[in-house]
Amino acid sequence: MSVNLRHAAALCVALSLCALLVVPGNFPGLTGEARLTLGVFALAACAWIGTPIDDTYIALGAGLALTATGVISSETLFGTLGDATVWLLICAFVLAAAVTRTGLAGRAAAFLVSGARSVRQLTHLTTAALVVTAFAVPATSGRAALALPVFLALAKVLAGRRRLVVMLALLFPTVILLSAVATLIGAGAHLITVSVLWEATGERIGFTRWLLLGLPLAVASSHLAAEAVLLTTTRRADRRGPVRITAEQIQEHSDKPVTGPLSTDETRCALLLGTVVALWCSEPLHQVPPAVVALTGAVVAASPALGTVRLKDALKSVPWSLLLFMAATMAMGVALADSGAARWLVSGLPVAVPPGLFLAAVIVISTAAHLVLQSRSARSSVLVPLVVAAAVGAGVNPVAAALASTAAAGFCHTLPASAKPVALFAELPGAPTYTPRDLLRLSAVLAPLTAALVLLFALAVWPLLGVPLLKP
């Protein structure tokens, strides 16, 4: 379908939905505010799907429209920028800038990868290293940029084994995307989910609770994906040969030392990062909010005496566009919940379905949503408010449903344009990389596997960790 035809189709769908909502006789159960909310929501969703307009611009326009029409107050719109989760992400990016400046990530990668003696060991050690980066760098695009030099160094060392290089090129973005669920700061979509749950149910999911629920899923899905990438990209002969990668070989392609004693800056940064992560994980003991811990860490990381990065430089790495998008979509979520639009949307759905079947349907839809909505945050903005409202009506725990939807929406590997990390590793000058056919082959195997794994966790693992399937 051509781009112009897609734009026209999206516009026709949006205008048709708005026309239906304007007629008073249609949908008698809808209030005026709910009609306005659904109209704005429909226009925004169609614009996200069918136009090249920036996602943040669309979200801000939708938030402004809801405010101008009186559906939400200006305090609600602007107050979302002061949400604790937004500050958590800002400070996490400042900490990530300090880590990147010192080169600690390269040292960690060299330490892990240099221990590999076989192709399978190399694959799973690389996977483990990428999972760990979820604690140091927020957002998948930031982690992909941090991991790219490590991949290019490995590609040079393995230049004579092309299939292994292609496998690694596919492994890096795959694990980065699937392991993001490990932490609350792993993706902006997680913060949107937390905000929607807080507004709709009054239940706040903190850093520690998300870590308890998300980290086991991230580890399992990442290593499962590593096996899928290995088996779909390489042949048995490729996997049979030994692998020997030394830290010295990686050092040849790195501008920062990957061996030897830590510098003063590296030592300070490692201690600071370890302290911040430890305080995040021990929140139930000291009751200090994660955003306050992150702000303290960011101030220390950028301080003239103890810091390793200037605050001005660190703030340049913060994705302000993403933060504005999150704030605007949080306001849209408030409008959907408060106006009754979300409840009306799901009121016609069958509620007499088994909870497991309901959850399976949510996971399948969320897994496939990347084919329509390329932005991970946009997918959560559209899906999570509806999933939460539908779960309440079906007697399913809305926390379990929202977490399952968000985790499943992390799969976005079908096309190079489906996610920024996939696009970044799809075109690498001087190194062989994967083709769209490689992505489709992996997606055909990995999509059902990850969906089944999320369902397994929601049905069998998360209830053991305090998130029951049924509504309490």
Protein backbone atom coordinates (compact mmCIF):
# COMPACT_ATOMS: atom_id res chain seq x y z
CA MET A 1 0.00 0.00 0.00
CA SER A 2 1.44 3.39 -0.90
CA VAL A 3 2.05 5.97 1.79
CA ASN A 4 -0.55 8.38 0.36
CA LEU A 5 -3.20 5.66 0.24
CA ARG A 6 -2.41 4.68 3.81
CA HIS A 7 -2.76 8.29 4.94
CA ALA A 8 -6.09 8.60 3.15
CA ALA A 9 -7.37 5.36 4.66
CA ALA A 10 -6.39 6.45 8.18
CA LEU A 11 -8.07 9.82 7.69
CA CYS A 12 -11.27 8.22 6.38
CA VAL A 13 -11.44 5.81 9.33
CA ALA A 14 -10.88 8.59 11.86
CA LEU A 15 -13.45 10.94 10.30
CA SER A 16 -16.01 8.14 10.00
CA LEU A 17 -15.65 7.27 13.68
CA CYS A 18 -15.95 10.92 14.66
CA ALA A 19 -19.06 11.33 12.49
CA LEU A 20 -20.70 8.37 14.19
CA LEU A 21 -19.89 9.81 17.61
CA VAL A 22 -21.31 13.25 16.75
CA VAL A 23 -24.81 11.94 15.98
CA PRO A 24 -26.72 12.09 19.30
CA GLY A 25 -28.86 9.03 18.55
CA ASN A 26 -25.84 6.78 18.18
CA PHE A 27 -24.45 5.04 21.24
CA PRO A 28 -27.03 6.23 23.80
CA GLY A 29 -24.90 5.09 26.72
CA LEU A 30 -22.21 7.67 26.01
CA THR A 31 -21.98 11.01 27.78
CA GLY A 32 -20.81 14.14 25.98
CA GLU A 33 -17.35 13.99 27.57
CA ALA A 34 -17.01 10.33 26.63
CA ARG A 35 -17.92 11.13 23.00
CA LEU A 36 -15.30 13.88 22.86
CA THR A 37 -12.69 11.61 24.43
CA LEU A 38 -13.36 8.77 22.01
CA GLY A 39 -13.26 11.15 19.06
CA VAL A 40 -9.89 12.57 20.08
CA PHE A 41 -8.61 9.08 20.90
CA ALA A 42 -9.71 7.76 17.49
CA LEU A 43 -8.05 10.65 15.64
CA ALA A 44 -4.82 10.18 17.60
CA ALA A 45 -4.71 6.40 17.08
CA CYS A 46 -5.36 6.71 13.34
CA ALA A 47 -2.69 9.42 13.08
CA TRP A 48 -0.18 7.22 14.92
CA ILE A 49 -0.97 4.31 12.59
CA GLY A 50 -1.36 5.97 9.22
CA THR A 51 0.65 9.19 9.10
CA PRO A 52 4.34 10.12 9.36
CA ILE A 53 3.57 12.91 11.84
CA ASP A 54 5.72 12.73 14.97
CA ASP A 55 4.09 10.64 17.71
CA THR A 56 4.79 13.28 20.35
CA TYR A 57 3.17 16.03 18.28
CA ILE A 58 0.03 13.91 17.90
CA ALA A 59 -0.10 13.13 21.62
CA LEU A 60 0.36 16.77 22.59
CA GLY A 61 -2.38 17.79 20.16
CA ALA A 62 -4.72 15.19 21.64
CA GLY A 63 -3.96 16.33 25.20
CA LEU A 64 -4.55 19.95 24.21
CA ALA A 65 -7.87 19.08 22.55
CA LEU A 66 -9.07 17.23 25.65
CA THR A 67 -8.10 20.19 27.81
CA ALA A 68 -9.66 22.81 25.53
CA THR A 69 -12.96 20.90 25.45
CA GLY A 70 -13.04 20.59 29.24
CA VAL A 71 -12.72 16.80 29.43
CA ILE A 72 -9.62 17.18 31.61
CA SER A 73 -8.31 20.21 33.45
CA SER A 74 -5.12 22.06 32.59
CA GLU A 75 -3.76 20.96 35.99
CA THR A 76 -4.21 17.33 34.91
CA LEU A 77 -2.44 17.93 31.59
CA PHE A 78 0.54 19.79 32.99
CA GLY A 79 0.63 17.82 36.24
CA THR A 80 1.61 14.66 34.37
CA LEU A 81 5.02 16.22 33.66
CA GLY A 82 5.62 16.35 37.40
CA ASP A 83 4.77 12.69 37.88
CA ALA A 84 7.38 10.78 39.86
CA THR A 85 7.89 8.27 37.04
CA VAL A 86 8.85 11.08 34.65
CA TRP A 87 11.46 12.35 37.12
CA LEU A 88 12.68 8.79 37.59
CA LEU A 89 13.36 8.48 33.87
CA ILE A 90 15.07 11.89 33.63
CA CYS A 91 17.45 11.07 36.47
CA ALA A 92 18.06 7.56 35.12
CA PHE A 93 19.27 9.06 31.84
CA VAL A 94 21.66 11.35 33.73
CA LEU A 95 23.07 8.29 35.52
CA ALA A 96 23.31 6.46 32.19
CA ALA A 97 25.30 9.35 30.71
CA ALA A 98 27.78 9.05 33.57
CA VAL A 99 28.13 5.29 33.02
CA THR A 100 28.60 5.74 29.27
CA ARG A 101 31.26 8.41 29.76
CA THR A 102 33.44 6.15 31.92
CA GLY A 103 33.36 3.05 29.69
CA LEU A 104 32.24 0.67 32.43
CA ALA A 105 29.82 -1.06 30.06
CA GLY A 106 32.66 -1.99 27.70
CA ARG A 107 34.64 -3.49 30.56
CA ALA A 108 31.70 -5.59 31.67
CA ALA A 109 31.04 -6.84 28.14
CA ALA A 110 34.70 -7.74 27.57
CA PHE A 111 34.83 -9.57 30.90
CA LEU A 112 31.81 -11.71 30.05
CA VAL A 113 32.39 -12.35 26.34
CA SER A 114 36.08 -13.20 26.68
CA GLY A 115 35.07 -16.25 28.74
CA ALA A 116 33.24 -17.88 25.80
CA ARG A 117 34.73 -21.06 24.36
CA SER A 118 31.89 -22.12 22.07
CA VAL A 119 29.28 -20.41 19.91
CA ARG A 120 26.48 -21.25 22.34
CA GLN A 121 28.49 -19.90 25.27
CA LEU A 122 29.18 -16.70 23.35
CA THR A 123 25.48 -16.34 22.58
CA HIS A 124 24.30 -16.76 26.15
CA LEU A 125 27.11 -14.72 27.73
CA THR A 126 26.29 -11.88 25.34
CA THR A 127 22.64 -12.26 26.30
CA ALA A 128 23.48 -12.06 29.99
CA ALA A 129 25.55 -8.92 29.45
CA LEU A 130 22.72 -7.25 27.53
CA VAL A 131 20.18 -8.11 30.24
CA VAL A 132 22.40 -6.44 32.84
CA THR A 133 22.44 -3.19 30.84
CA ALA A 134 18.72 -2.79 31.59
CA PHE A 135 19.76 -1.66 35.09
CA ALA A 136 22.23 0.95 33.85
CA VAL A 137 20.64 2.50 30.77
CA PRO A 138 16.94 3.35 30.43
CA ALA A 139 15.10 2.98 27.11
CA THR A 140 15.90 0.37 24.49
CA SER A 141 17.31 2.85 21.97
CA GLY A 142 19.89 4.05 24.52
CA ARG A 143 20.95 0.49 25.27
CA ALA A 144 21.25 -0.27 21.56
CA ALA A 145 23.51 2.75 21.05
CA LEU A 146 25.65 1.67 24.02
CA ALA A 147 25.92 -1.93 22.75
CA LEU A 148 26.71 -1.05 19.13
CA PRO A 149 30.49 -0.50 19.64
CA VAL A 150 30.70 -3.85 21.45
CA PHE A 151 29.01 -5.60 18.53
CA LEU A 152 31.28 -3.90 15.97
CA ALA A 153 34.31 -5.08 17.94
CA LEU A 154 32.99 -8.65 17.99
CA ALA A 155 32.21 -8.41 14.26
CA LYS A 156 35.85 -7.49 13.53
CA VAL A 157 37.16 -10.36 15.65
CA LEU A 158 34.77 -12.86 13.96
CA ALA A 159 35.17 -11.41 10.46
CA GLY A 160 35.96 -14.82 8.99
CA ARG A 161 32.69 -16.39 10.25
CA ARG A 162 29.99 -14.38 8.54
CA ARG A 163 26.99 -16.35 9.82
CA LEU A 164 28.06 -15.83 13.41
CA VAL A 165 28.30 -12.08 12.84
CA VAL A 166 24.79 -12.03 11.33
CA MET A 167 23.55 -14.04 14.30
CA LEU A 168 25.03 -11.53 16.73
CA ALA A 169 23.60 -8.62 14.75
CA LEU A 170 20.15 -10.15 15.24
CA LEU A 171 20.82 -11.21 18.83
CA PHE A 172 21.67 -7.74 20.14
CA PRO A 173 18.39 -5.93 19.30
CA THR A 174 16.31 -9.02 20.09
CA VAL A 175 17.64 -9.33 23.63
CA ILE A 176 17.61 -5.56 24.20
CA LEU A 177 13.90 -5.42 23.37
CA LEU A 178 12.82 -8.50 25.32
CA SER A 179 14.93 -7.79 28.41
CA ALA A 180 13.53 -4.27 28.81
CA VAL A 181 10.71 -5.72 30.94
CA ALA A 182 13.29 -6.41 33.67
CA THR A 183 13.05 -2.92 35.15
CA LEU A 184 10.56 -0.11 35.48
CA ILE A 185 12.90 2.23 33.57
CA GLY A 186 13.45 -0.31 30.78
CA ALA A 187 10.93 1.39 28.47
CA GLY A 188 8.67 4.41 28.54
CA ALA A 189 5.73 2.06 28.01
CA HIS A 190 6.29 0.67 31.52
CA LEU A 191 5.85 4.09 33.07
CA ILE A 192 2.65 4.63 31.07
CA THR A 193 1.33 1.28 32.35
CA VAL A 194 2.14 2.19 35.95
CA SER A 195 0.40 5.54 35.55
CA VAL A 196 -2.73 4.00 34.01
CA LEU A 197 -2.95 1.42 36.79
CA TRP A 198 -2.56 4.13 39.43
CA GLU A 199 -5.31 6.28 37.89
CA ALA A 200 -7.69 3.38 37.24
CA THR A 201 -7.19 1.16 40.28
CA GLY A 202 -5.26 3.23 42.84
CA GLU A 203 -2.51 0.60 42.91
CA ARG A 204 1.06 1.82 42.52
CA ILE A 205 3.75 -0.53 41.18
CA GLY A 206 7.17 0.59 42.36
CA PHE A 207 10.65 -0.23 41.11
CA THR A 208 11.10 -3.18 43.45
CA ARG A 209 7.78 -4.83 42.66
CA TRP A 210 8.30 -4.42 38.92
CA LEU A 211 11.78 -5.90 39.31
CA LEU A 212 10.40 -8.91 41.18
CA LEU A 213 7.82 -9.55 38.45
CA GLY A 214 9.76 -8.50 35.37
CA LEU A 215 13.32 -9.72 35.90
CA PRO A 216 12.53 -13.48 35.84
CA LEU A 217 10.49 -12.99 32.66
CA ALA A 218 13.27 -10.91 31.09
CA VAL A 219 15.91 -13.54 31.83
CA ALA A 220 13.76 -16.43 30.59
CA SER A 221 12.56 -14.69 27.42
CA SER A 222 16.03 -13.35 26.57
CA HIS A 223 17.76 -16.72 26.78
CA LEU A 224 14.87 -18.41 24.97
CA ALA A 225 15.20 -15.80 22.23
CA ALA A 226 18.97 -16.37 22.14
CA GLU A 227 18.39 -20.04 21.34
CA ALA A 228 15.81 -19.10 18.69
CA VAL A 229 18.22 -16.64 17.05
CA LEU A 230 21.04 -19.17 17.17
CA LEU A 231 19.00 -21.98 15.62
CA THR A 232 17.26 -19.91 12.93
CA THR A 233 20.35 -17.98 11.80
CA THR A 234 23.22 -20.48 11.91
CA ARG A 235 23.81 -24.02 10.74
CA ARG A 236 25.16 -26.91 12.76
CA ALA A 237 28.59 -26.51 11.18
CA ASP A 238 28.66 -22.84 12.23
CA ARG A 239 27.86 -23.75 15.81
CA ARG A 240 30.36 -26.60 15.98
CA GLY A 241 33.55 -24.58 15.61
CA PRO A 242 35.31 -23.23 18.73
CA VAL A 243 35.31 -19.55 19.65
CA ARG A 244 38.18 -17.68 21.22
CA ILE A 245 37.75 -13.97 21.90
CA THR A 246 40.25 -12.17 24.11
CA ALA A 247 39.96 -8.83 25.87
CA GLU A 248 42.97 -7.64 23.87
CA GLN A 249 41.08 -8.24 20.60
CA ILE A 250 38.12 -6.21 21.87
CA GLN A 251 40.48 -3.48 23.07
CA GLU A 252 41.76 -3.02 19.51
CA HIS A 253 38.32 -1.71 18.55
CA SER A 254 37.53 0.28 21.69
CA ASP A 255 38.69 3.81 22.55
CA LYS A 256 38.40 3.13 26.30
CA PRO A 257 40.35 0.53 28.32
CA VAL A 258 38.51 -2.75 28.83
CA THR A 259 41.13 -4.36 31.09
CA GLY A 260 43.45 -3.30 33.88
CA PRO A 261 42.70 -1.46 37.12
CA LEU A 262 39.70 0.83 37.26
CA SER A 263 40.31 4.54 36.97
CA THR A 264 39.15 6.92 39.69
CA ASP A 265 36.12 7.96 37.61
CA GLU A 266 35.21 4.34 36.87
CA THR A 267 35.45 3.40 40.54
CA ARG A 268 33.27 6.30 41.64
CA CYS A 269 30.71 5.61 38.93
CA ALA A 270 30.56 1.88 39.72
CA LEU A 271 30.04 2.60 43.43
CA LEU A 272 27.36 5.18 42.68
CA LEU A 273 25.48 2.93 40.26
CA GLY A 274 25.67 -0.02 42.63
CA THR A 275 24.37 2.13 45.50
CA VAL A 276 21.46 3.49 43.44
CA VAL A 277 20.40 0.04 42.22
CA ALA A 278 20.71 -1.38 45.75
CA LEU A 279 18.52 1.43 47.13
CA TRP A 280 15.97 0.88 44.36
CA CYS A 281 15.80 -2.82 45.15
CA SER A 282 15.53 -2.26 48.91
CA GLU A 283 12.74 0.32 48.73
CA PRO A 284 10.43 -1.69 51.07
CA LEU A 285 13.07 -1.41 53.81
CA HIS A 286 13.85 2.33 53.73
CA GLN A 287 10.65 3.65 52.05
CA VAL A 288 12.55 6.23 49.97
CA PRO A 289 10.77 6.61 46.60
CA PRO A 290 12.79 5.47 43.55
CA ALA A 291 12.54 8.92 41.97
CA VAL A 292 14.17 10.52 45.03
CA VAL A 293 16.95 7.91 44.95
CA ALA A 294 17.47 8.55 41.24
CA LEU A 295 17.54 12.32 41.73
CA THR A 296 20.14 11.95 44.49
CA GLY A 297 22.24 9.72 42.26
CA ALA A 298 21.94 12.14 39.34
CA VAL A 299 23.04 15.08 41.49
CA VAL A 300 26.08 13.14 42.70
CA ALA A 301 26.89 11.87 39.17
CA ALA A 302 26.95 15.45 37.85
CA SER A 303 28.56 17.11 40.87
CA PRO A 304 31.85 19.00 40.28
CA ALA A 305 33.71 17.08 42.99
CA LEU A 306 32.42 13.49 42.68
CA GLY A 307 30.72 13.36 39.30
CA THR A 308 31.92 11.97 35.98
CA VAL A 309 29.74 14.04 33.63
CA ARG A 310 28.61 17.66 33.48
CA LEU A 311 24.91 18.16 34.13
CA LYS A 312 24.54 20.17 30.92
CA ASP A 313 25.98 17.31 28.87
CA ALA A 314 23.96 14.67 30.71
CA LEU A 315 20.68 16.52 30.15
CA LYS A 316 21.36 16.52 26.41
CA SER A 317 21.01 12.72 26.48
CA VAL A 318 17.52 12.86 28.01
CA PRO A 319 14.84 12.05 25.37
CA TRP A 320 12.63 15.05 26.08
CA SER A 321 10.35 14.14 23.20
CA LEU A 322 9.64 10.77 24.84
CA LEU A 323 8.91 12.44 28.18
CA LEU A 324 6.43 14.85 26.59
CA PHE A 325 4.82 11.92 24.79
CA MET A 326 4.48 10.02 28.05
CA ALA A 327 2.97 13.02 29.85
CA ALA A 328 0.43 13.65 27.09
CA THR A 329 -0.60 10.01 26.84
CA MET A 330 -0.96 9.82 30.63
CA ALA A 331 -3.44 12.68 30.35
CA MET A 332 -5.26 10.79 27.59
CA GLY A 333 -5.47 7.77 29.87
CA VAL A 334 -6.98 9.90 32.64
CA ALA A 335 -9.58 11.20 30.18
CA LEU A 336 -10.50 7.70 29.02
CA ALA A 337 -10.98 6.53 32.61
CA ASP A 338 -12.71 9.59 34.10
CA SER A 339 -15.11 10.21 31.21
CA GLY A 340 -16.35 6.61 31.20
CA ALA A 341 -15.17 6.11 27.62
CA ALA A 342 -12.95 3.13 28.48
CA ARG A 343 -15.74 1.39 30.38
CA TRP A 344 -18.14 1.93 27.47
CA LEU A 345 -15.63 0.58 24.93
CA VAL A 346 -15.32 -2.73 26.75
CA SER A 347 -18.92 -2.97 27.96
CA GLY A 348 -19.96 -4.93 24.89
CA LEU A 349 -17.23 -7.52 25.25
CA PRO A 350 -18.25 -10.96 26.52
CA VAL A 351 -17.46 -11.19 30.23
CA ALA A 352 -18.36 -14.85 30.72
CA VAL A 353 -15.06 -16.09 29.33
CA PRO A 354 -12.50 -18.06 31.35
CA PRO A 355 -9.79 -15.78 32.80
CA GLY A 356 -7.08 -17.74 31.04
CA LEU A 357 -8.76 -17.26 27.67
CA PHE A 358 -9.22 -13.55 28.35
CA LEU A 359 -5.54 -13.19 29.19
CA ALA A 360 -4.51 -15.21 26.14
CA ALA A 361 -6.53 -12.88 23.90
CA VAL A 362 -4.90 -9.82 25.51
CA ILE A 363 -1.43 -11.27 24.97
CA VAL A 364 -2.07 -12.22 21.33
CA ILE A 365 -3.45 -8.77 20.50
CA SER A 366 -0.58 -7.03 22.31
CA THR A 367 2.02 -9.21 20.57
CA ALA A 368 0.59 -8.41 17.13
CA ALA A 369 0.05 -4.71 17.84
CA HIS A 370 3.55 -3.76 16.64
CA LEU A 371 2.43 -4.50 13.09
CA VAL A 372 0.04 -1.54 13.35
CA LEU A 373 1.56 0.78 15.96
CA GLN A 374 5.35 0.97 15.68
CA SER A 375 5.87 3.03 18.83
CA ARG A 376 6.04 0.87 21.93
CA SER A 377 4.78 3.72 24.10
CA ALA A 378 1.90 4.36 21.71
CA ARG A 379 0.90 0.70 21.90
CA SER A 380 0.68 0.87 25.68
CA SER A 381 -1.17 4.19 25.51
CA VAL A 382 -3.84 2.62 23.33
CA LEU A 383 -4.02 -0.88 24.79
CA VAL A 384 -3.46 -0.61 28.54
CA PRO A 385 -6.45 1.65 29.43
CA LEU A 386 -8.76 -0.67 27.46
CA VAL A 387 -7.17 -3.82 28.90
CA VAL A 388 -7.54 -2.52 32.47
CA ALA A 389 -11.21 -1.60 31.94
CA ALA A 390 -11.96 -4.94 30.25
CA ALA A 391 -10.18 -6.89 32.99
CA VAL A 392 -12.32 -5.29 35.68
CA GLY A 393 -15.46 -6.29 33.80
CA ALA A 394 -14.22 -9.85 33.24
CA GLY A 395 -13.20 -10.39 36.86
CA VAL A 396 -9.50 -10.57 36.00
CA ASN A 397 -6.89 -8.80 38.09
CA PRO A 398 -6.18 -5.57 36.14
CA VAL A 399 -2.55 -5.57 37.32
CA ALA A 400 -1.95 -9.03 35.82
CA ALA A 401 -3.69 -8.06 32.58
CA ALA A 402 -1.80 -4.76 32.23
CA LEU A 403 1.57 -6.37 32.95
CA ALA A 404 0.88 -9.19 30.48
CA SER A 405 -0.14 -6.71 27.78
CA THR A 406 2.93 -4.54 28.34
CA ALA A 407 5.31 -7.51 28.38
CA ALA A 408 3.78 -8.98 25.22
CA ALA A 409 3.95 -5.62 23.46
CA GLY A 410 7.71 -5.73 23.93
CA PHE A 411 7.89 -8.15 20.99
CA CYS A 412 8.49 -6.04 17.87
CA HIS A 413 10.89 -7.95 15.64
CA THR A 414 8.92 -8.59 12.47
CA LEU A 415 10.13 -5.67 10.34
CA PRO A 416 13.25 -3.46 10.45
CA ALA A 417 11.02 -0.45 11.12
CA SER A 418 9.18 -2.15 14.00
CA ALA A 419 11.61 -0.84 16.64
CA LYS A 420 14.59 1.53 16.79
CA PRO A 421 17.11 -1.10 17.96
CA VAL A 422 16.10 -3.38 15.09
CA ALA A 423 16.48 -0.53 12.60
CA LEU A 424 19.85 0.47 14.10
CA PHE A 425 21.39 -2.98 13.67
CA ALA A 426 19.78 -3.55 10.26
CA GLU A 427 22.17 -1.17 8.48
CA LEU A 428 25.75 -1.35 9.68
CA PRO A 429 28.56 -0.16 7.40
CA GLY A 430 31.51 -2.52 7.35
CA ALA A 431 29.75 -5.44 9.05
CA PRO A 432 27.37 -8.10 7.69
CA THR A 433 23.91 -7.94 9.18
CA TYR A 434 20.50 -9.56 8.84
CA THR A 435 17.98 -9.24 6.04
CA PRO A 436 14.19 -8.77 6.27
CA ARG A 437 13.87 -12.49 5.53
CA ASP A 438 16.00 -13.29 8.60
CA LEU A 439 13.68 -11.15 10.71
CA LEU A 440 10.55 -12.83 9.35
CA ARG A 441 12.02 -16.28 9.97
CA LEU A 442 12.87 -15.37 13.56
CA SER A 443 9.53 -13.67 14.13
CA ALA A 444 7.60 -16.76 13.01
CA VAL A 445 9.34 -18.78 15.72
CA LEU A 446 9.79 -16.19 18.45
CA ALA A 447 6.34 -14.54 18.45
CA PRO A 448 4.41 -17.64 19.60
CA LEU A 449 7.20 -18.61 22.01
CA THR A 450 7.29 -15.23 23.78
CA ALA A 451 3.48 -15.00 23.86
CA ALA A 452 3.28 -18.47 25.42
CA LEU A 453 5.98 -17.56 27.94
CA VAL A 454 4.16 -14.38 29.02
CA LEU A 455 0.95 -16.40 29.42
CA LEU A 456 2.81 -18.99 31.50
CA PHE A 457 4.17 -16.30 33.80
CA ALA A 458 0.76 -14.63 34.18
CA LEU A 459 -0.96 -17.94 34.99
CA ALA A 460 1.68 -19.76 37.04
CA VAL A 461 4.56 -17.52 38.15
CA TRP A 462 3.15 -14.08 38.94
CA PRO A 463 0.45 -15.49 41.28
CA LEU A 464 3.29 -16.91 43.39
CA LEU A 465 4.84 -13.42 43.47
CA GLY A 466 1.71 -11.66 44.70
CA VAL A 467 -0.21 -10.91 41.47
CA PRO A 468 -3.16 -13.34 41.31
CA LEU A 469 -4.98 -13.93 38.07
CA LEU A 470 -8.44 -13.24 39.45
CA LYS A 471 -9.54 -9.85 40.71
CA PRO A 472 -9.00 -9.71 44.49
